[in-house]
Amino acid sequence: MRLTYEDKASIKLDRQQKNINPVDYAVWGALQQDVYSVLIMGLEDLKDRVRTCWASLDQQLINKAIDPWRPRLKTVVKVHGGHIEQLFT
């Protein structure tokens, strides 16, 4: 499906966020900083730390990372799962 000029004009996307990313780098950075703030004593300890730290992440940080996805996901649906990269340049 090709988007019309009006469709493209109605899509207001931040040029800095070109991909649909499952975990925003800010969220990953905060999680990583919390996880490694203490010495990890093995794989099970690491898994526990990730789960604990994930559960304690600030919801506002997560919301801020999720909010920009909505326009992108709507665009993906609008083009029936087609490529959308050209809309961000």
Protein backbone atom coordinates (compact mmCIF):
# COMPACT_ATOMS: atom_id res chain seq x y z
CA MET A 1 0.00 0.00 0.00
CA ARG A 2 1.31 3.41 -0.94
CA LEU A 3 0.68 6.35 1.35
CA THR A 4 -0.74 9.50 -0.14
CA TYR A 5 0.85 12.88 0.36
CA GLU A 6 -1.84 13.65 2.92
CA ASP A 7 -1.05 10.42 4.82
CA LYS A 8 2.63 11.29 4.95
CA ALA A 9 1.88 14.83 6.03
CA SER A 10 -0.32 13.59 8.84
CA ILE A 11 2.40 11.35 10.25
CA LYS A 12 4.37 13.44 12.69
CA LEU A 13 7.39 11.38 13.72
CA ASP A 14 10.56 12.32 15.54
CA ARG A 15 13.46 11.93 13.10
CA GLN A 16 15.78 10.80 15.87
CA GLN A 17 13.73 7.66 16.52
CA LYS A 18 13.92 5.71 13.30
CA ASN A 19 13.25 2.19 14.56
CA ILE A 20 10.59 0.39 16.48
CA ASN A 21 12.80 -0.68 19.36
CA PRO A 22 11.54 -3.24 21.92
CA VAL A 23 13.56 -1.72 24.75
CA ASP A 24 14.43 1.94 24.64
CA TYR A 25 18.10 2.57 25.33
CA ALA A 26 17.26 4.86 28.26
CA VAL A 27 15.32 2.02 29.90
CA TRP A 28 18.09 -0.46 29.20
CA GLY A 29 20.69 1.97 30.57
CA ALA A 30 18.76 2.50 33.79
CA LEU A 31 18.19 -1.24 34.19
CA GLN A 32 21.83 -2.04 33.50
CA GLN A 33 23.04 0.58 35.97
CA ASP A 34 20.80 -0.85 38.71
CA VAL A 35 21.65 -4.47 37.96
CA TYR A 36 25.41 -3.92 38.08
CA SER A 37 25.36 -1.61 41.11
CA VAL A 38 26.26 -4.68 43.19
CA LEU A 39 28.59 -7.61 42.60
CA ILE A 40 26.88 -10.44 40.69
CA MET A 41 27.68 -13.91 42.01
CA GLY A 42 26.60 -16.10 39.11
CA LEU A 43 23.88 -16.60 36.51
CA GLU A 44 21.02 -17.15 38.96
CA ASP A 45 22.04 -14.04 40.90
CA LEU A 46 22.10 -12.08 37.64
CA LYS A 47 18.62 -13.32 36.70
CA ASP A 48 17.29 -12.38 40.13
CA ARG A 49 18.89 -8.92 39.92
CA VAL A 50 17.39 -8.27 36.48
CA ARG A 51 13.91 -9.29 37.67
CA THR A 52 14.18 -7.24 40.86
CA CYS A 53 15.56 -4.16 39.14
CA TRP A 54 13.00 -4.39 36.32
CA ALA A 55 10.18 -4.48 38.86
CA SER A 56 11.56 -1.37 40.56
CA LEU A 57 12.07 0.77 37.43
CA ASP A 58 10.33 4.14 37.52
CA GLN A 59 7.07 3.90 35.57
CA GLN A 60 7.55 7.42 34.18
CA LEU A 61 10.81 6.31 32.56
CA ILE A 62 9.02 3.37 30.94
CA ASN A 63 6.10 5.56 29.80
CA LYS A 64 8.51 8.07 28.27
CA ALA A 65 10.12 5.23 26.30
CA ILE A 66 6.78 3.76 25.18
CA ASP A 67 4.98 6.96 24.12
CA PRO A 68 6.94 7.47 20.87
CA TRP A 69 6.05 3.92 19.74
CA ARG A 70 2.36 4.61 19.24
CA PRO A 71 2.70 6.68 16.05
CA ARG A 72 5.15 4.15 14.61
CA LEU A 73 2.96 1.19 15.38
CA LYS A 74 -0.05 2.97 13.88
CA THR A 75 2.03 3.61 10.76
CA VAL A 76 3.04 -0.06 10.53
CA VAL A 77 -0.64 -1.04 10.77
CA LYS A 78 -1.58 1.59 8.20
CA VAL A 79 0.88 0.13 5.67
CA HIS A 80 -0.17 -3.43 6.54
CA GLY A 81 3.20 -4.34 8.02
CA GLY A 82 5.19 -2.89 5.15
CA HIS A 83 8.39 -0.92 5.33
CA ILE A 84 8.17 2.48 6.96
CA GLU A 85 11.81 3.62 6.95
CA GLN A 86 11.23 5.99 4.04
CA LEU A 87 8.72 7.92 6.15
CA PHE A 88 11.39 8.91 8.66
CA THR A 89 13.86 10.55 6.29
